[in-house]
Amino acid sequence: GPLHALTPILLKAFEAPSAHESTGVEH
C-alpha cells in the first residue's frame, strides 16, 4: 500500500504477541 499504511503494520507488529502466534520464521 502507500508508505503511510506501513505505520499501522509496524505498530501492530511491535505490540505484544498473541498466545497462539508461532515463534518461528519457517520460510
PDB file of all heavy atoms in Angstrom:
ATOM      1  N   GLY A   1       0.847  -1.184   0.000  1.00  0.00           N
ATOM      2  CA  GLY A   1       0.000   0.000   0.000  1.00  0.00           C
ATOM      3  C   GLY A   1       0.877   1.227   0.000  1.00  0.00           C
ATOM      4  O   GLY A   1       2.100   1.149  -0.167  1.00  0.00           O
ATOM      5  N   PRO A   2       0.287   2.400   0.218  1.00  0.00           N
ATOM      6  CA  PRO A   2       1.101   3.612   0.337  1.00  0.00           C
ATOM      7  C   PRO A   2       1.980   3.558   1.572  1.00  0.00           C
ATOM      8  O   PRO A   2       1.703   2.796   2.514  1.00  0.00           O
ATOM      9  CB  PRO A   2       0.059   4.737   0.423  1.00  0.00           C
ATOM     10  CG  PRO A   2      -1.178   4.067   0.917  1.00  0.00           C
ATOM     11  CD  PRO A   2      -1.153   2.670   0.362  1.00  0.00           C
ATOM     12  N   LEU A   3       3.026   4.354   1.583  1.00  0.00           N
ATOM     13  CA  LEU A   3       4.001   4.281   2.671  1.00  0.00           C
ATOM     14  C   LEU A   3       3.358   4.520   4.027  1.00  0.00           C
ATOM     15  O   LEU A   3       3.725   3.873   5.018  1.00  0.00           O
ATOM     16  CB  LEU A   3       5.129   5.280   2.416  1.00  0.00           C
ATOM     17  CG  LEU A   3       6.403   5.093   3.248  1.00  0.00           C
ATOM     18  CD1 LEU A   3       7.609   5.621   2.495  1.00  0.00           C
ATOM     19  CD2 LEU A   3       6.318   5.791   4.598  1.00  0.00           C
ATOM     20  N   HIS A   4       2.393   5.439   4.095  1.00  0.00           N
ATOM     21  CA  HIS A   4       1.806   5.722   5.414  1.00  0.00           C
ATOM     22  C   HIS A   4       0.997   4.534   5.942  1.00  0.00           C
ATOM     23  O   HIS A   4       0.716   4.461   7.141  1.00  0.00           O
ATOM     24  CB  HIS A   4       0.938   6.988   5.363  1.00  0.00           C
ATOM     25  CG  HIS A   4      -0.271   6.888   4.474  1.00  0.00           C
ATOM     26  ND1 HIS A   4      -0.234   7.149   3.133  1.00  0.00           N
ATOM     27  CD2 HIS A   4      -1.559   6.556   4.759  1.00  0.00           C
ATOM     28  CE1 HIS A   4      -1.435   7.009   2.615  1.00  0.00           C
ATOM     29  NE2 HIS A   4      -2.259   6.639   3.572  1.00  0.00           N
ATOM     30  N   ALA A   5       0.638   3.585   5.060  1.00  0.00           N
ATOM     31  CA  ALA A   5      -0.050   2.380   5.533  1.00  0.00           C
ATOM     32  C   ALA A   5       0.903   1.428   6.242  1.00  0.00           C
ATOM     33  O   ALA A   5       0.456   0.493   6.921  1.00  0.00           O
ATOM     34  CB  ALA A   5      -0.725   1.676   4.357  1.00  0.00           C
ATOM     35  N   LEU A   6       2.213   1.643   6.092  1.00  0.00           N
ATOM     36  CA  LEU A   6       3.194   0.807   6.791  1.00  0.00           C
ATOM     37  C   LEU A   6       3.192   1.089   8.288  1.00  0.00           C
ATOM     38  O   LEU A   6       3.517   0.198   9.086  1.00  0.00           O
ATOM     39  CB  LEU A   6       4.590   1.061   6.203  1.00  0.00           C
ATOM     40  CG  LEU A   6       5.760   0.329   6.836  1.00  0.00           C
ATOM     41  CD1 LEU A   6       5.598  -1.180   6.702  1.00  0.00           C
ATOM     42  CD2 LEU A   6       7.079   0.779   6.185  1.00  0.00           C
ATOM     43  N   THR A   7       2.841   2.304   8.683  1.00  0.00           N
ATOM     44  CA  THR A   7       2.892   2.680  10.101  1.00  0.00           C
ATOM     45  C   THR A   7       2.011   1.780  10.965  1.00  0.00           C
ATOM     46  O   THR A   7       2.490   1.222  11.967  1.00  0.00           O
ATOM     47  CB  THR A   7       2.493   4.153  10.274  1.00  0.00           C
ATOM     48  OG1 THR A   7       3.262   4.953   9.379  1.00  0.00           O
ATOM     49  CG2 THR A   7       2.738   4.616  11.701  1.00  0.00           C
ATOM     50  N   PRO A   8       0.724   1.609  10.652  1.00  0.00           N
ATOM     51  CA  PRO A   8      -0.069   0.691  11.499  1.00  0.00           C
ATOM     52  C   PRO A   8       0.404  -0.752  11.430  1.00  0.00           C
ATOM     53  O   PRO A   8       0.239  -1.504  12.408  1.00  0.00           O
ATOM     54  CB  PRO A   8      -1.499   0.840  10.931  1.00  0.00           C
ATOM     55  CG  PRO A   8      -1.346   1.444   9.582  1.00  0.00           C
ATOM     56  CD  PRO A   8      -0.117   2.283   9.639  1.00  0.00           C
ATOM     57  N   ILE A   9       1.012  -1.162  10.316  1.00  0.00           N
ATOM     58  CA  ILE A   9       1.556  -2.525  10.235  1.00  0.00           C
ATOM     59  C   ILE A   9       2.689  -2.693  11.244  1.00  0.00           C
ATOM     60  O   ILE A   9       2.760  -3.691  11.976  1.00  0.00           O
ATOM     61  CB  ILE A   9       2.042  -2.821   8.808  1.00  0.00           C
ATOM     62  CG1 ILE A   9       0.861  -2.877   7.843  1.00  0.00           C
ATOM     63  CG2 ILE A   9       2.835  -4.123   8.765  1.00  0.00           C
ATOM     64  CD1 ILE A   9       1.254  -3.076   6.396  1.00  0.00           C
ATOM     65  N   LEU A  10       3.590  -1.710  11.306  1.00  0.00           N
ATOM     66  CA  LEU A  10       4.687  -1.777  12.272  1.00  0.00           C
ATOM     67  C   LEU A  10       4.173  -1.678  13.700  1.00  0.00           C
ATOM     68  O   LEU A  10       4.645  -2.395  14.599  1.00  0.00           O
ATOM     69  CB  LEU A  10       5.689  -0.657  11.992  1.00  0.00           C
ATOM     70  CG  LEU A  10       6.491  -0.772  10.685  1.00  0.00           C
ATOM     71  CD1 LEU A  10       7.410   0.435  10.520  1.00  0.00           C
ATOM     72  CD2 LEU A  10       7.301  -2.055  10.651  1.00  0.00           C
ATOM     73  N   LEU A  11       3.196  -0.797  13.940  1.00  0.00           N
ATOM     74  CA  LEU A  11       2.645  -0.663  15.294  1.00  0.00           C
ATOM     75  C   LEU A  11       2.051  -1.974  15.769  1.00  0.00           C
ATOM     76  O   LEU A  11       2.235  -2.382  16.930  1.00  0.00           O
ATOM     77  CB  LEU A  11       1.577   0.438  15.309  1.00  0.00           C
ATOM     78  CG  LEU A  11       2.083   1.880  15.186  1.00  0.00           C
ATOM     79  CD1 LEU A  11       0.902   2.833  15.023  1.00  0.00           C
ATOM     80  CD2 LEU A  11       2.912   2.271  16.405  1.00  0.00           C
ATOM     81  N   LYS A  12       1.342  -2.654  14.884  1.00  0.00           N
ATOM     82  CA  LYS A  12       0.753  -3.944  15.257  1.00  0.00           C
ATOM     83  C   LYS A  12       1.832  -4.979  15.540  1.00  0.00           C
ATOM     84  O   LYS A  12       1.727  -5.780  16.486  1.00  0.00           O
ATOM     85  CB  LYS A  12      -0.171  -4.424  14.134  1.00  0.00           C
ATOM     86  CG  LYS A  12      -0.864  -5.736  14.439  1.00  0.00           C
ATOM     87  CD  LYS A  12      -1.782  -6.157  13.296  1.00  0.00           C
ATOM     88  CE  LYS A  12      -2.457  -7.493  13.598  1.00  0.00           C
ATOM     89  NZ  LYS A  12      -3.335  -7.920  12.466  1.00  0.00           N
ATOM     90  N   ALA A  13       2.897  -4.955  14.723  1.00  0.00           N
ATOM     91  CA  ALA A  13       3.985  -5.922  14.939  1.00  0.00           C
ATOM     92  C   ALA A  13       4.729  -5.655  16.232  1.00  0.00           C
ATOM     93  O   ALA A  13       5.259  -6.585  16.860  1.00  0.00           O
ATOM     94  CB  ALA A  13       4.948  -5.869  13.758  1.00  0.00           C
ATOM     95  N   PHE A  14       4.799  -4.384  16.639  1.00  0.00           N
ATOM     96  CA  PHE A  14       5.522  -4.023  17.861  1.00  0.00           C
ATOM     97  C   PHE A  14       4.719  -4.336  19.121  1.00  0.00           C
ATOM     98  O   PHE A  14       5.258  -4.263  20.228  1.00  0.00           O
ATOM     99  CB  PHE A  14       5.874  -2.542  17.854  1.00  0.00           C
ATOM    100  CG  PHE A  14       6.889  -2.151  16.799  1.00  0.00           C
ATOM    101  CD1 PHE A  14       6.998  -0.830  16.375  1.00  0.00           C
ATOM    102  CD2 PHE A  14       7.724  -3.090  16.231  1.00  0.00           C
ATOM    103  CE1 PHE A  14       7.929  -0.469  15.409  1.00  0.00           C
ATOM    104  CE2 PHE A  14       8.651  -2.734  15.270  1.00  0.00           C
ATOM    105  CZ  PHE A  14       8.755  -1.419  14.855  1.00  0.00           C
ATOM    106  N   GLU A  15       3.448  -4.633  18.985  1.00  0.00           N
ATOM    107  CA  GLU A  15       2.623  -4.937  20.151  1.00  0.00           C
ATOM    108  C   GLU A  15       2.920  -6.348  20.657  1.00  0.00           C
ATOM    109  O   GLU A  15       3.591  -7.144  20.001  1.00  0.00           O
ATOM    110  CB  GLU A  15       1.136  -4.815  19.799  1.00  0.00           C
ATOM    111  CG  GLU A  15       0.684  -3.383  19.558  1.00  0.00           C
ATOM    112  CD  GLU A  15      -0.803  -3.309  19.261  1.00  0.00           C
ATOM    113  OE1 GLU A  15      -1.480  -4.356  19.367  1.00  0.00           O
ATOM    114  OE2 GLU A  15      -1.282  -2.212  18.916  1.00  0.00           O
ATOM    115  N   ALA A  16       2.385  -6.644  21.829  1.00  0.00           N
ATOM    116  CA  ALA A  16       2.609  -7.965  22.434  1.00  0.00           C
ATOM    117  C   ALA A  16       2.017  -9.054  21.556  1.00  0.00           C
ATOM    118  O   ALA A  16       0.907  -8.898  21.049  1.00  0.00           O
ATOM    119  CB  ALA A  16       1.973  -8.012  23.818  1.00  0.00           C
ATOM    120  N   PRO A  17       2.727 -10.160  21.352  1.00  0.00           N
ATOM    121  CA  PRO A  17       2.199 -11.245  20.512  1.00  0.00           C
ATOM    122  C   PRO A  17       1.048 -11.959  21.196  1.00  0.00           C
ATOM    123  O   PRO A  17       0.968 -12.025  22.419  1.00  0.00           O
ATOM    124  CB  PRO A  17       3.401 -12.172  20.353  1.00  0.00           C
ATOM    125  CG  PRO A  17       4.246 -11.917  21.560  1.00  0.00           C
ATOM    126  CD  PRO A  17       4.061 -10.453  21.881  1.00  0.00           C
ATOM    127  N   SER A  18       0.150 -12.456  20.358  1.00  0.00           N
ATOM    128  CA  SER A  18      -0.957 -13.253  20.896  1.00  0.00           C
ATOM    129  C   SER A  18      -0.440 -14.622  21.334  1.00  0.00           C
ATOM    130  O   SER A  18       0.600 -15.093  20.878  1.00  0.00           O
ATOM    131  CB  SER A  18      -2.044 -13.434  19.829  1.00  0.00           C
ATOM    132  OG  SER A  18      -2.502 -12.169  19.383  1.00  0.00           O
ATOM    133  N   ALA A  19      -1.194 -15.277  22.193  1.00  0.00           N
ATOM    134  CA  ALA A  19      -0.747 -16.560  22.744  1.00  0.00           C
ATOM    135  C   ALA A  19      -0.639 -17.640  21.671  1.00  0.00           C
ATOM    136  O   ALA A  19       0.174 -18.555  21.780  1.00  0.00           O
ATOM    137  CB  ALA A  19      -1.732 -17.008  23.835  1.00  0.00           C
ATOM    138  N   HIS A  20      -1.466 -17.544  20.600  1.00  0.00           N
ATOM    139  CA  HIS A  20      -1.472 -18.593  19.588  1.00  0.00           C
ATOM    140  C   HIS A  20      -0.427 -18.368  18.513  1.00  0.00           C
ATOM    141  O   HIS A  20      -0.304 -19.192  17.598  1.00  0.00           O
ATOM    142  CB  HIS A  20      -2.859 -18.671  18.931  1.00  0.00           C
ATOM    143  CG  HIS A  20      -3.218 -17.433  18.160  1.00  0.00           C
ATOM    144  ND1 HIS A  20      -3.794 -16.335  18.769  1.00  0.00           N
ATOM    145  CD2 HIS A  20      -3.050 -17.113  16.842  1.00  0.00           C
ATOM    146  CE1 HIS A  20      -4.000 -15.400  17.849  1.00  0.00           C
ATOM    147  NE2 HIS A  20      -3.560 -15.846  16.681  1.00  0.00           N
ATOM    148  N   GLU A  21       0.341 -17.255  18.572  1.00  0.00           N
ATOM    149  CA  GLU A  21       1.280 -16.957  17.498  1.00  0.00           C
ATOM    150  C   GLU A  21       2.467 -17.910  17.524  1.00  0.00           C
ATOM    151  O   GLU A  21       2.942 -18.340  18.575  1.00  0.00           O
ATOM    152  CB  GLU A  21       1.803 -15.517  17.617  1.00  0.00           C
ATOM    153  CG  GLU A  21       0.836 -14.474  17.109  1.00  0.00           C
ATOM    154  CD  GLU A  21       1.493 -13.102  17.125  1.00  0.00           C
ATOM    155  OE1 GLU A  21       2.084 -12.741  18.155  1.00  0.00           O
ATOM    156  OE2 GLU A  21       1.425 -12.407  16.103  1.00  0.00           O
ATOM    157  N   SER A  22       2.947 -18.204  16.330  1.00  0.00           N
ATOM    158  CA  SER A  22       4.164 -19.003  16.201  1.00  0.00           C
ATOM    159  C   SER A  22       5.359 -18.145  16.543  1.00  0.00           C
ATOM    160  O   SER A  22       5.335 -16.930  16.393  1.00  0.00           O
ATOM    161  CB  SER A  22       4.296 -19.522  14.765  1.00  0.00           C
ATOM    162  OG  SER A  22       5.564 -20.083  14.566  1.00  0.00           O
ATOM    163  N   THR A  23       6.408 -18.759  17.012  1.00  0.00           N
ATOM    164  CA  THR A  23       7.628 -18.023  17.347  1.00  0.00           C
ATOM    165  C   THR A  23       8.735 -18.274  16.352  1.00  0.00           C
ATOM    166  O   THR A  23       9.879 -17.911  16.589  1.00  0.00           O
ATOM    167  CB  THR A  23       8.126 -18.417  18.750  1.00  0.00           C
ATOM    168  OG1 THR A  23       8.362 -19.825  18.756  1.00  0.00           O
ATOM    169  CG2 THR A  23       7.117 -18.041  19.799  1.00  0.00           C
ATOM    170  N   GLY A  24       8.446 -18.877  15.232  1.00  0.00           N
ATOM    171  CA  GLY A  24       9.485 -19.147  14.241  1.00  0.00           C
ATOM    172  C   GLY A  24       9.151 -18.539  12.902  1.00  0.00           C
ATOM    173  O   GLY A  24       7.995 -18.319  12.572  1.00  0.00           O
ATOM    174  N   VAL A  25      10.179 -18.279  12.124  1.00  0.00           N
ATOM    175  CA  VAL A  25      10.020 -17.821  10.753  1.00  0.00           C
ATOM    176  C   VAL A  25      10.509 -18.965   9.885  1.00  0.00           C
ATOM    177  O   VAL A  25      11.687 -19.084   9.595  1.00  0.00           O
ATOM    178  CB  VAL A  25      10.818 -16.532  10.505  1.00  0.00           C
ATOM    179  CG1 VAL A  25      10.579 -16.029   9.090  1.00  0.00           C
ATOM    180  CG2 VAL A  25      10.430 -15.459  11.506  1.00  0.00           C
ATOM    181  N   GLU A  26       9.588 -19.818   9.496  1.00  0.00           N
ATOM    182  CA  GLU A  26       9.996 -21.093   8.919  1.00  0.00           C
ATOM    183  C   GLU A  26      10.520 -20.969   7.494  1.00  0.00           C
ATOM    184  O   GLU A  26      11.252 -21.829   7.030  1.00  0.00           O
ATOM    185  CB  GLU A  26       8.805 -22.063   8.928  1.00  0.00           C
ATOM    186  CG  GLU A  26       8.359 -22.465  10.334  1.00  0.00           C
ATOM    187  CD  GLU A  26       7.396 -21.451  10.935  1.00  0.00           C
ATOM    188  OE1 GLU A  26       7.079 -20.471  10.246  1.00  0.00           O
ATOM    189  OE2 GLU A  26       7.000 -21.648  12.091  1.00  0.00           O
ATOM    190  N   HIS A  27      10.125 -19.928   6.762  1.00  0.00           N
ATOM    191  CA  HIS A  27      10.363 -19.925   5.324  1.00  0.00           C
ATOM    192  C   HIS A  27      11.486 -18.982   4.913  1.00  0.00           C
ATOM    193  O   HIS A  27      11.624 -18.688   3.736  1.00  0.00           O
ATOM    194  CB  HIS A  27       9.074 -19.537   4.596  1.00  0.00           C
ATOM    195  CG  HIS A  27       7.916 -20.411   4.955  1.00  0.00           C
ATOM    196  ND1 HIS A  27       7.857 -21.736   4.590  1.00  0.00           N
ATOM    197  CD2 HIS A  27       6.790 -20.143   5.670  1.00  0.00           C
ATOM    198  CE1 HIS A  27       6.722 -22.260   5.056  1.00  0.00           C
ATOM    199  NE2 HIS A  27       6.072 -21.323   5.715  1.00  0.00           N
TER     200      HIS A  27
END
